[in-house]
Amino acid sequence: MNTYESLMGKHAVITGGGSGMGAAVAEQLASQGTKVSLLDIEGEEAEKTAAAIHEHEGEAAAYVCDTSDAEQVERVFQEAVSHFGTIDIVFANAGINGTVAPIEDLEAEEFAKTTSINLGGTFHTVKYAIPHMKEHGGSIILTSSVNGTRVFSNFGMSAYSSTKAGQVAFGKMAALELSNYRIRVNIICPGFIKTDIGSSTYPKEEKLEKVEIPVEHPEGDQPLKGDGGDPEEVADLVSFLASDASRHITGTEMYIDGGSSLL
């Protein structure tokens, strides 16, 4: 059997599915016969991704959803199930960089906003997927980062890094708890991937100069190929974790960064 034949006819819910890694994953899964529900706070972006999938005769539906809002997530999951049936795969990918500032200058409200979207959104996504997956099992993949897990030199990103570390811990807890339902939970930790997440970064504080420590890599910071990764490479990893090819893998974080976090 082809490695990814197990994805045929399945239903995947993807948050942050309108662009970047979410869109790449959606398009790849759809090309493998998976029905995809795209959740994004930017409805037009989700519609564009769905339209691209339809052009290639795939099945997709787009929903406007702020994953930090529990009621929205619960409602949209119900709508997605009504449209495509039970959920088999979840890619909890929505997130922001948030405000980049020294801790003493970071407003409490800014820290809370990043936490509510990145970590709270992950919690809501997993929580409301469970009732639709527990009878038959499935695969949940969370998007964390090298930041907060292997890398701590991106100064001013204390809020973002805290949420990314939290996602790894949450994913491991969920993996054990949900093993009773044959639901696997794994975490991907991308390094620099060519996406538009930078558009969700608030202006960099000039005050960062007082806390920054110079970090120099004499031969560059992307060892494997000298450049950042592509969203399609992330999609390859997510497809693997969504398929039966990874049926004995759960509670594991996987780094996809070209070796940059090893420097």
C-alpha atoms as a PDB file:
ATOM      1  CA  MET A   1       0.000   0.000   0.000  1.00  0.00           C
ATOM      2  CA  ASN A   2       1.209   3.478  -0.823  1.00  0.00           C
ATOM      3  CA  THR A   3       2.372   5.225   2.351  1.00  0.00           C
ATOM      4  CA  TYR A   4      -0.352   7.852   2.198  1.00  0.00           C
ATOM      5  CA  GLU A   5      -3.272   5.818   0.861  1.00  0.00           C
ATOM      6  CA  SER A   6      -4.577   5.873   4.431  1.00  0.00           C
ATOM      7  CA  LEU A   7      -5.372   9.590   3.958  1.00  0.00           C
ATOM      8  CA  MET A   8      -7.894   8.913   1.211  1.00  0.00           C
ATOM      9  CA  GLY A   9     -11.426   9.857   2.227  1.00  0.00           C
ATOM     10  CA  LYS A  10     -10.404  11.214   5.630  1.00  0.00           C
ATOM     11  CA  HIS A  11     -11.484  14.600   6.992  1.00  0.00           C
ATOM     12  CA  ALA A  12      -8.880  17.065   8.270  1.00  0.00           C
ATOM     13  CA  VAL A  13      -9.510  20.276  10.169  1.00  0.00           C
ATOM     14  CA  ILE A  14      -6.730  22.843   9.760  1.00  0.00           C
ATOM     15  CA  THR A  15      -6.513  26.055  11.772  1.00  0.00           C
ATOM     16  CA  GLY A  16      -4.607  28.916  10.218  1.00  0.00           C
ATOM     17  CA  GLY A  17      -5.440  27.190   6.946  1.00  0.00           C
ATOM     18  CA  GLY A  18      -5.618  30.298   4.801  1.00  0.00           C
ATOM     19  CA  SER A  19      -1.915  30.826   4.206  1.00  0.00           C
ATOM     20  CA  GLY A  20       1.630  29.641   4.842  1.00  0.00           C
ATOM     21  CA  MET A  21       2.085  26.208   6.366  1.00  0.00           C
ATOM     22  CA  GLY A  22      -1.647  25.740   6.897  1.00  0.00           C
ATOM     23  CA  ALA A  23      -2.443  26.325   3.236  1.00  0.00           C
ATOM     24  CA  ALA A  24       0.424  24.090   2.083  1.00  0.00           C
ATOM     25  CA  VAL A  25      -0.750  21.275   4.351  1.00  0.00           C
ATOM     26  CA  ALA A  26      -4.345  21.696   3.188  1.00  0.00           C
ATOM     27  CA  GLU A  27      -3.382  21.542  -0.476  1.00  0.00           C
ATOM     28  CA  GLN A  28      -1.167  18.511  -0.005  1.00  0.00           C
ATOM     29  CA  LEU A  29      -3.702  16.557   2.047  1.00  0.00           C
ATOM     30  CA  ALA A  30      -6.432  17.413  -0.466  1.00  0.00           C
ATOM     31  CA  SER A  31      -4.224  16.122  -3.294  1.00  0.00           C
ATOM     32  CA  GLN A  32      -4.034  12.823  -1.378  1.00  0.00           C
ATOM     33  CA  GLY A  33      -7.811  12.514  -1.217  1.00  0.00           C
ATOM     34  CA  THR A  34      -8.448  14.103   2.184  1.00  0.00           C
ATOM     35  CA  LYS A  35     -11.428  16.416   2.696  1.00  0.00           C
ATOM     36  CA  VAL A  36     -10.224  19.588   4.391  1.00  0.00           C
ATOM     37  CA  SER A  37     -11.976  22.152   6.572  1.00  0.00           C
ATOM     38  CA  LEU A  38     -10.013  25.410   6.671  1.00  0.00           C
ATOM     39  CA  LEU A  39     -10.353  27.623   9.744  1.00  0.00           C
ATOM     40  CA  ASP A  40      -8.802  31.074   9.644  1.00  0.00           C
ATOM     41  CA  ILE A  41      -9.451  34.449  11.224  1.00  0.00           C
ATOM     42  CA  GLU A  42      -8.934  35.849   7.711  1.00  0.00           C
ATOM     43  CA  GLY A  43     -11.934  34.457   5.854  1.00  0.00           C
ATOM     44  CA  GLU A  44     -10.831  35.656   2.436  1.00  0.00           C
ATOM     45  CA  GLU A  45      -7.518  33.828   2.749  1.00  0.00           C
ATOM     46  CA  ALA A  46      -9.287  30.587   3.709  1.00  0.00           C
ATOM     47  CA  GLU A  47     -11.647  30.989   0.730  1.00  0.00           C
ATOM     48  CA  LYS A  48      -8.665  31.442  -1.622  1.00  0.00           C
ATOM     49  CA  THR A  49      -7.048  28.245  -0.370  1.00  0.00           C
ATOM     50  CA  ALA A  50     -10.330  26.373  -0.704  1.00  0.00           C
ATOM     51  CA  ALA A  51     -10.744  27.686  -4.247  1.00  0.00           C
ATOM     52  CA  ALA A  52      -7.238  26.506  -5.175  1.00  0.00           C
ATOM     53  CA  ILE A  53      -8.104  23.040  -3.861  1.00  0.00           C
ATOM     54  CA  HIS A  54     -11.378  22.992  -5.826  1.00  0.00           C
ATOM     55  CA  GLU A  55      -9.483  23.870  -9.007  1.00  0.00           C
ATOM     56  CA  HIS A  56      -7.614  20.584  -8.606  1.00  0.00           C
ATOM     57  CA  GLU A  57     -10.848  18.684  -7.919  1.00  0.00           C
ATOM     58  CA  GLY A  58     -10.225  18.420  -4.203  1.00  0.00           C
ATOM     59  CA  GLU A  59     -12.797  18.861  -1.430  1.00  0.00           C
ATOM     60  CA  ALA A  60     -12.511  21.844   0.907  1.00  0.00           C
ATOM     61  CA  ALA A  61     -14.652  24.178   2.966  1.00  0.00           C
ATOM     62  CA  ALA A  62     -13.615  27.507   4.510  1.00  0.00           C
ATOM     63  CA  TYR A  63     -14.716  28.968   7.849  1.00  0.00           C
ATOM     64  CA  VAL A  64     -13.974  32.232   9.609  1.00  0.00           C
ATOM     65  CA  CYS A  65     -12.771  31.368  13.103  1.00  0.00           C
ATOM     66  CA  ASP A  66     -10.818  33.047  15.881  1.00  0.00           C
ATOM     67  CA  THR A  67      -9.341  30.061  17.706  1.00  0.00           C
ATOM     68  CA  SER A  68      -8.883  32.092  20.888  1.00  0.00           C
ATOM     69  CA  ASP A  69     -12.704  32.161  21.153  1.00  0.00           C
ATOM     70  CA  ALA A  70     -13.896  28.830  22.558  1.00  0.00           C
ATOM     71  CA  GLU A  71     -17.494  29.282  21.387  1.00  0.00           C
ATOM     72  CA  GLN A  72     -16.399  29.990  17.820  1.00  0.00           C
ATOM     73  CA  VAL A  73     -14.195  26.895  17.710  1.00  0.00           C
ATOM     74  CA  GLU A  74     -16.925  24.636  19.089  1.00  0.00           C
ATOM     75  CA  ARG A  75     -19.488  25.987  16.609  1.00  0.00           C
ATOM     76  CA  VAL A  76     -17.223  25.736  13.578  1.00  0.00           C
ATOM     77  CA  PHE A  77     -16.230  22.167  14.455  1.00  0.00           C
ATOM     78  CA  GLN A  78     -19.915  21.251  14.514  1.00  0.00           C
ATOM     79  CA  GLU A  79     -20.415  22.900  11.113  1.00  0.00           C
ATOM     80  CA  ALA A  80     -17.399  21.114   9.649  1.00  0.00           C
ATOM     81  CA  VAL A  81     -18.647  17.751  10.897  1.00  0.00           C
ATOM     82  CA  SER A  82     -22.104  18.442   9.472  1.00  0.00           C
ATOM     83  CA  HIS A  83     -20.503  19.161   6.106  1.00  0.00           C
ATOM     84  CA  PHE A  84     -17.812  16.469   5.812  1.00  0.00           C
ATOM     85  CA  GLY A  85     -18.569  14.000   8.591  1.00  0.00           C
ATOM     86  CA  THR A  86     -16.439  12.806  11.478  1.00  0.00           C
ATOM     87  CA  ILE A  87     -12.967  14.278  12.015  1.00  0.00           C
ATOM     88  CA  ASP A  88      -9.874  12.111  11.469  1.00  0.00           C
ATOM     89  CA  ILE A  89      -7.019  14.646  11.389  1.00  0.00           C
ATOM     90  CA  VAL A  90      -6.447  17.967  13.136  1.00  0.00           C
ATOM     91  CA  PHE A  91      -3.625  20.365  12.339  1.00  0.00           C
ATOM     92  CA  ALA A  92      -3.637  22.993  15.112  1.00  0.00           C
ATOM     93  CA  ASN A  93      -1.530  25.569  13.348  1.00  0.00           C
ATOM     94  CA  ALA A  94      -3.015  29.030  13.977  1.00  0.00           C
ATOM     95  CA  GLY A  95      -0.742  31.437  15.805  1.00  0.00           C
ATOM     96  CA  ILE A  96       0.929  34.829  15.948  1.00  0.00           C
ATOM     97  CA  ASN A  97       4.379  36.143  16.838  1.00  0.00           C
ATOM     98  CA  GLY A  98       2.854  38.908  18.936  1.00  0.00           C
ATOM     99  CA  THR A  99       4.725  41.815  20.423  1.00  0.00           C
ATOM    100  CA  VAL A 100       8.523  41.671  20.425  1.00  0.00           C
ATOM    101  CA  ALA A 101       9.791  43.580  23.467  1.00  0.00           C
ATOM    102  CA  PRO A 102      11.890  43.212  26.611  1.00  0.00           C
ATOM    103  CA  ILE A 103       9.988  41.594  29.468  1.00  0.00           C
ATOM    104  CA  GLU A 104       9.957  44.741  31.558  1.00  0.00           C
ATOM    105  CA  ASP A 105       8.452  46.708  28.678  1.00  0.00           C
ATOM    106  CA  LEU A 106       5.980  44.073  27.491  1.00  0.00           C
ATOM    107  CA  GLU A 107       2.451  45.029  28.481  1.00  0.00           C
ATOM    108  CA  ALA A 108       0.480  42.398  30.374  1.00  0.00           C
ATOM    109  CA  GLU A 109      -2.306  42.677  27.810  1.00  0.00           C
ATOM    110  CA  GLU A 110       0.134  41.921  24.978  1.00  0.00           C
ATOM    111  CA  PHE A 111       1.478  38.846  26.768  1.00  0.00           C
ATOM    112  CA  ALA A 112      -2.079  37.664  27.424  1.00  0.00           C
ATOM    113  CA  LYS A 113      -3.111  38.158  23.780  1.00  0.00           C
ATOM    114  CA  THR A 114      -0.247  36.043  22.445  1.00  0.00           C
ATOM    115  CA  THR A 115      -0.986  33.377  25.036  1.00  0.00           C
ATOM    116  CA  SER A 116      -4.715  33.332  24.307  1.00  0.00           C
ATOM    117  CA  ILE A 117      -4.180  32.856  20.571  1.00  0.00           C
ATOM    118  CA  ASN A 118      -1.219  30.475  20.536  1.00  0.00           C
ATOM    119  CA  LEU A 119      -1.749  28.337  23.617  1.00  0.00           C
ATOM    120  CA  GLY A 120      -5.427  28.974  24.279  1.00  0.00           C
ATOM    121  CA  GLY A 121      -6.242  28.411  20.612  1.00  0.00           C
ATOM    122  CA  THR A 122      -4.395  25.084  20.660  1.00  0.00           C
ATOM    123  CA  PHE A 123      -6.330  24.010  23.755  1.00  0.00           C
ATOM    124  CA  HIS A 124      -9.688  24.958  22.201  1.00  0.00           C
ATOM    125  CA  THR A 125      -8.844  23.171  18.961  1.00  0.00           C
ATOM    126  CA  VAL A 126      -7.916  19.925  20.687  1.00  0.00           C
ATOM    127  CA  LYS A 127     -10.742  20.101  23.235  1.00  0.00           C
ATOM    128  CA  TYR A 128     -13.494  20.482  20.667  1.00  0.00           C
ATOM    129  CA  ALA A 129     -12.018  17.929  18.291  1.00  0.00           C
ATOM    130  CA  ILE A 130     -12.085  15.128  20.856  1.00  0.00           C
ATOM    131  CA  PRO A 131     -15.856  14.449  20.792  1.00  0.00           C
ATOM    132  CA  HIS A 132     -15.646  13.998  17.012  1.00  0.00           C
ATOM    133  CA  MET A 133     -12.595  11.690  17.119  1.00  0.00           C
ATOM    134  CA  LYS A 134     -12.883   9.552  20.257  1.00  0.00           C
ATOM    135  CA  GLU A 135     -15.026   6.821  18.697  1.00  0.00           C
ATOM    136  CA  HIS A 136     -12.591   5.981  15.897  1.00  0.00           C
ATOM    137  CA  GLY A 137      -9.238   7.595  16.758  1.00  0.00           C
ATOM    138  CA  GLY A 138      -7.095   9.775  14.568  1.00  0.00           C
ATOM    139  CA  SER A 139      -4.127  12.103  14.465  1.00  0.00           C
ATOM    140  CA  ILE A 140      -3.622  15.576  15.946  1.00  0.00           C
ATOM    141  CA  ILE A 141      -0.589  17.644  14.995  1.00  0.00           C
ATOM    142  CA  LEU A 142       0.330  20.843  16.845  1.00  0.00           C
ATOM    143  CA  THR A 143       2.555  23.594  15.458  1.00  0.00           C
ATOM    144  CA  SER A 144       5.125  24.663  18.036  1.00  0.00           C
ATOM    145  CA  SER A 145       8.534  26.141  17.131  1.00  0.00           C
ATOM    146  CA  VAL A 146      12.257  25.909  17.758  1.00  0.00           C
ATOM    147  CA  ASN A 147      11.745  29.085  19.798  1.00  0.00           C
ATOM    148  CA  GLY A 148      11.144  28.203  23.421  1.00  0.00           C
ATOM    149  CA  THR A 149      12.155  24.582  22.880  1.00  0.00           C
ATOM    150  CA  ARG A 150      15.704  24.682  21.469  1.00  0.00           C
ATOM    151  CA  VAL A 151      16.323  28.349  20.738  1.00  0.00           C
ATOM    152  CA  PHE A 152      16.260  31.153  23.307  1.00  0.00           C
ATOM    153  CA  SER A 153      18.318  33.830  21.557  1.00  0.00           C
ATOM    154  CA  ASN A 154      15.460  35.615  19.773  1.00  0.00           C
ATOM    155  CA  PHE A 155      15.344  38.454  22.253  1.00  0.00           C
ATOM    156  CA  GLY A 156      12.008  40.054  22.993  1.00  0.00           C
ATOM    157  CA  MET A 157      10.012  36.931  22.169  1.00  0.00           C
ATOM    158  CA  SER A 158       9.311  35.797  25.720  1.00  0.00           C
ATOM    159  CA  ALA A 159       5.544  35.617  25.177  1.00  0.00           C
ATOM    160  CA  TYR A 160       5.803  33.698  21.901  1.00  0.00           C
ATOM    161  CA  SER A 161       8.471  31.316  23.195  1.00  0.00           C
ATOM    162  CA  SER A 162       6.478  30.615  26.347  1.00  0.00           C
ATOM    163  CA  THR A 163       3.466  29.571  24.295  1.00  0.00           C
ATOM    164  CA  LYS A 164       5.585  27.347  22.056  1.00  0.00           C
ATOM    165  CA  ALA A 165       7.110  25.557  25.047  1.00  0.00           C
ATOM    166  CA  GLY A 166       3.625  25.223  26.492  1.00  0.00           C
ATOM    167  CA  GLN A 167       2.349  23.592  23.315  1.00  0.00           C
ATOM    168  CA  VAL A 168       4.995  20.872  23.576  1.00  0.00           C
ATOM    169  CA  ALA A 169       4.042  20.093  27.181  1.00  0.00           C
ATOM    170  CA  PHE A 170       0.337  20.207  26.350  1.00  0.00           C
ATOM    171  CA  GLY A 171       0.865  17.910  23.368  1.00  0.00           C
ATOM    172  CA  LYS A 172       2.645  15.318  25.475  1.00  0.00           C
ATOM    173  CA  MET A 173      -0.053  15.415  28.149  1.00  0.00           C
ATOM    174  CA  ALA A 174      -2.740  15.098  25.487  1.00  0.00           C
ATOM    175  CA  ALA A 175      -0.924  12.234  23.775  1.00  0.00           C
ATOM    176  CA  LEU A 176      -1.029  10.121  26.915  1.00  0.00           C
ATOM    177  CA  GLU A 177      -4.576  11.055  27.876  1.00  0.00           C
ATOM    178  CA  LEU A 178      -6.003  10.544  24.394  1.00  0.00           C
ATOM    179  CA  SER A 179      -4.207   7.245  23.782  1.00  0.00           C
ATOM    180  CA  ASN A 180      -7.267   5.659  25.398  1.00  0.00           C
ATOM    181  CA  TYR A 181      -9.195   6.781  22.315  1.00  0.00           C
ATOM    182  CA  ARG A 182      -6.444   5.801  19.847  1.00  0.00           C
ATOM    183  CA  ILE A 183      -5.869   9.488  19.098  1.00  0.00           C
ATOM    184  CA  ARG A 184      -2.215  10.271  18.437  1.00  0.00           C
ATOM    185  CA  VAL A 185      -0.836  13.721  19.275  1.00  0.00           C
ATOM    186  CA  ASN A 186       2.485  14.967  17.938  1.00  0.00           C
ATOM    187  CA  ILE A 187       4.171  18.350  17.777  1.00  0.00           C
ATOM    188  CA  ILE A 188       6.155  19.889  14.935  1.00  0.00           C
ATOM    189  CA  CYS A 189       8.812  22.503  15.721  1.00  0.00           C
ATOM    190  CA  PRO A 190       9.649  24.509  12.610  1.00  0.00           C
ATOM    191  CA  GLY A 191      12.613  26.820  12.345  1.00  0.00           C
ATOM    192  CA  PHE A 192      12.645  29.573   9.739  1.00  0.00           C
ATOM    193  CA  ILE A 193       9.962  28.694   7.200  1.00  0.00           C
ATOM    194  CA  LYS A 194       9.086  31.081   4.377  1.00  0.00           C
ATOM    195  CA  THR A 195       5.604  32.138   5.491  1.00  0.00           C
ATOM    196  CA  ASP A 196       3.795  35.366   6.283  1.00  0.00           C
ATOM    197  CA  ILE A 197       3.671  34.960  10.074  1.00  0.00           C
ATOM    198  CA  GLY A 198       5.842  38.059  10.237  1.00  0.00           C
ATOM    199  CA  SER A 199       2.734  40.068   9.361  1.00  0.00           C
ATOM    200  CA  SER A 200       1.346  39.135  12.781  1.00  0.00           C
ATOM    201  CA  THR A 201       4.393  40.522  14.582  1.00  0.00           C
ATOM    202  CA  TYR A 202       3.849  43.854  16.244  1.00  0.00           C
ATOM    203  CA  PRO A 203       6.567  46.506  15.686  1.00  0.00           C
ATOM    204  CA  LYS A 204       9.900  45.591  17.212  1.00  0.00           C
ATOM    205  CA  GLU A 205      10.654  47.680  20.268  1.00  0.00           C
ATOM    206  CA  GLU A 206      13.694  49.943  20.084  1.00  0.00           C
ATOM    207  CA  LYS A 207      14.169  49.091  23.756  1.00  0.00           C
ATOM    208  CA  LEU A 208      15.376  45.619  22.715  1.00  0.00           C
ATOM    209  CA  GLU A 209      18.855  47.047  22.326  1.00  0.00           C
ATOM    210  CA  LYS A 210      19.276  47.012  26.093  1.00  0.00           C
ATOM    211  CA  VAL A 211      18.741  43.241  26.353  1.00  0.00           C
ATOM    212  CA  GLU A 212      20.123  41.877  23.085  1.00  0.00           C
ATOM    213  CA  ILE A 213      23.304  39.822  23.152  1.00  0.00           C
ATOM    214  CA  PRO A 214      25.181  39.456  19.838  1.00  0.00           C
ATOM    215  CA  VAL A 215      24.925  35.976  18.332  1.00  0.00           C
ATOM    216  CA  GLU A 216      27.129  35.267  15.324  1.00  0.00           C
ATOM    217  CA  HIS A 217      27.331  32.193  13.102  1.00  0.00           C
ATOM    218  CA  PRO A 218      30.445  32.452  10.904  1.00  0.00           C
ATOM    219  CA  GLU A 219      29.055  30.265   8.122  1.00  0.00           C
ATOM    220  CA  GLY A 220      25.404  31.329   8.346  1.00  0.00           C
ATOM    221  CA  ASP A 221      22.560  29.911  10.396  1.00  0.00           C
ATOM    222  CA  GLN A 222      20.966  27.412   7.966  1.00  0.00           C
ATOM    223  CA  PRO A 223      23.345  24.419   7.853  1.00  0.00           C
ATOM    224  CA  LEU A 224      21.401  21.965   5.699  1.00  0.00           C
ATOM    225  CA  LYS A 225      20.774  23.991   2.569  1.00  0.00           C
ATOM    226  CA  GLY A 226      21.811  27.535   3.375  1.00  0.00           C
ATOM    227  CA  ASP A 227      18.265  28.848   3.339  1.00  0.00           C
ATOM    228  CA  GLY A 228      15.006  28.586   5.252  1.00  0.00           C
ATOM    229  CA  GLY A 229      12.466  25.855   4.729  1.00  0.00           C
ATOM    230  CA  ASP A 230       9.450  25.869   2.441  1.00  0.00           C
ATOM    231  CA  PRO A 231       5.853  25.366   3.596  1.00  0.00           C
ATOM    232  CA  GLU A 232       5.651  22.330   1.319  1.00  0.00           C
ATOM    233  CA  GLU A 233       8.412  20.656   3.333  1.00  0.00           C
ATOM    234  CA  VAL A 234       6.342  21.146   6.465  1.00  0.00           C
ATOM    235  CA  ALA A 235       3.378  19.669   4.593  1.00  0.00           C
ATOM    236  CA  ASP A 236       5.429  16.536   3.899  1.00  0.00           C
ATOM    237  CA  LEU A 237       6.023  16.088   7.634  1.00  0.00           C
ATOM    238  CA  VAL A 238       2.390  16.739   8.568  1.00  0.00           C
ATOM    239  CA  SER A 239       1.174  14.272   5.928  1.00  0.00           C
ATOM    240  CA  PHE A 240       3.441  11.639   7.441  1.00  0.00           C
ATOM    241  CA  LEU A 241       2.162  12.309  10.966  1.00  0.00           C
ATOM    242  CA  ALA A 242      -1.438  12.319   9.741  1.00  0.00           C
ATOM    243  CA  SER A 243      -1.081   8.988   7.938  1.00  0.00           C
ATOM    244  CA  ASP A 244      -0.886   5.403   9.129  1.00  0.00           C
ATOM    245  CA  ALA A 245       2.834   5.490   8.313  1.00  0.00           C
ATOM    246  CA  SER A 246       3.293   7.088  11.761  1.00  0.00           C
ATOM    247  CA  ARG A 247       0.764   4.875  13.533  1.00  0.00           C
ATOM    248  CA  HIS A 248       3.163   4.043  16.406  1.00  0.00           C
ATOM    249  CA  ILE A 249       4.343   7.633  16.993  1.00  0.00           C
ATOM    250  CA  THR A 250       2.708   9.849  19.605  1.00  0.00           C
ATOM    251  CA  GLY A 251       3.768  12.424  22.172  1.00  0.00           C
ATOM    252  CA  THR A 252       6.808  13.341  20.092  1.00  0.00           C
ATOM    253  CA  GLU A 253       8.148  16.710  18.981  1.00  0.00           C
ATOM    254  CA  MET A 254       9.790  16.769  15.560  1.00  0.00           C
ATOM    255  CA  TYR A 255      12.159  19.541  14.539  1.00  0.00           C
ATOM    256  CA  ILE A 256      12.056  20.773  10.965  1.00  0.00           C
ATOM    257  CA  ASP A 257      14.657  23.512  10.782  1.00  0.00           C
ATOM    258  CA  GLY A 258      17.494  22.354   8.546  1.00  0.00           C
ATOM    259  CA  GLY A 259      19.677  21.921  11.620  1.00  0.00           C
ATOM    260  CA  SER A 260      19.644  25.626  12.478  1.00  0.00           C
ATOM    261  CA  SER A 261      18.696  25.070  16.131  1.00  0.00           C
ATOM    262  CA  LEU A 262      21.752  22.857  16.604  1.00  0.00           C
ATOM    263  CA  LEU A 263      24.125  25.779  16.171  1.00  0.00           C
END
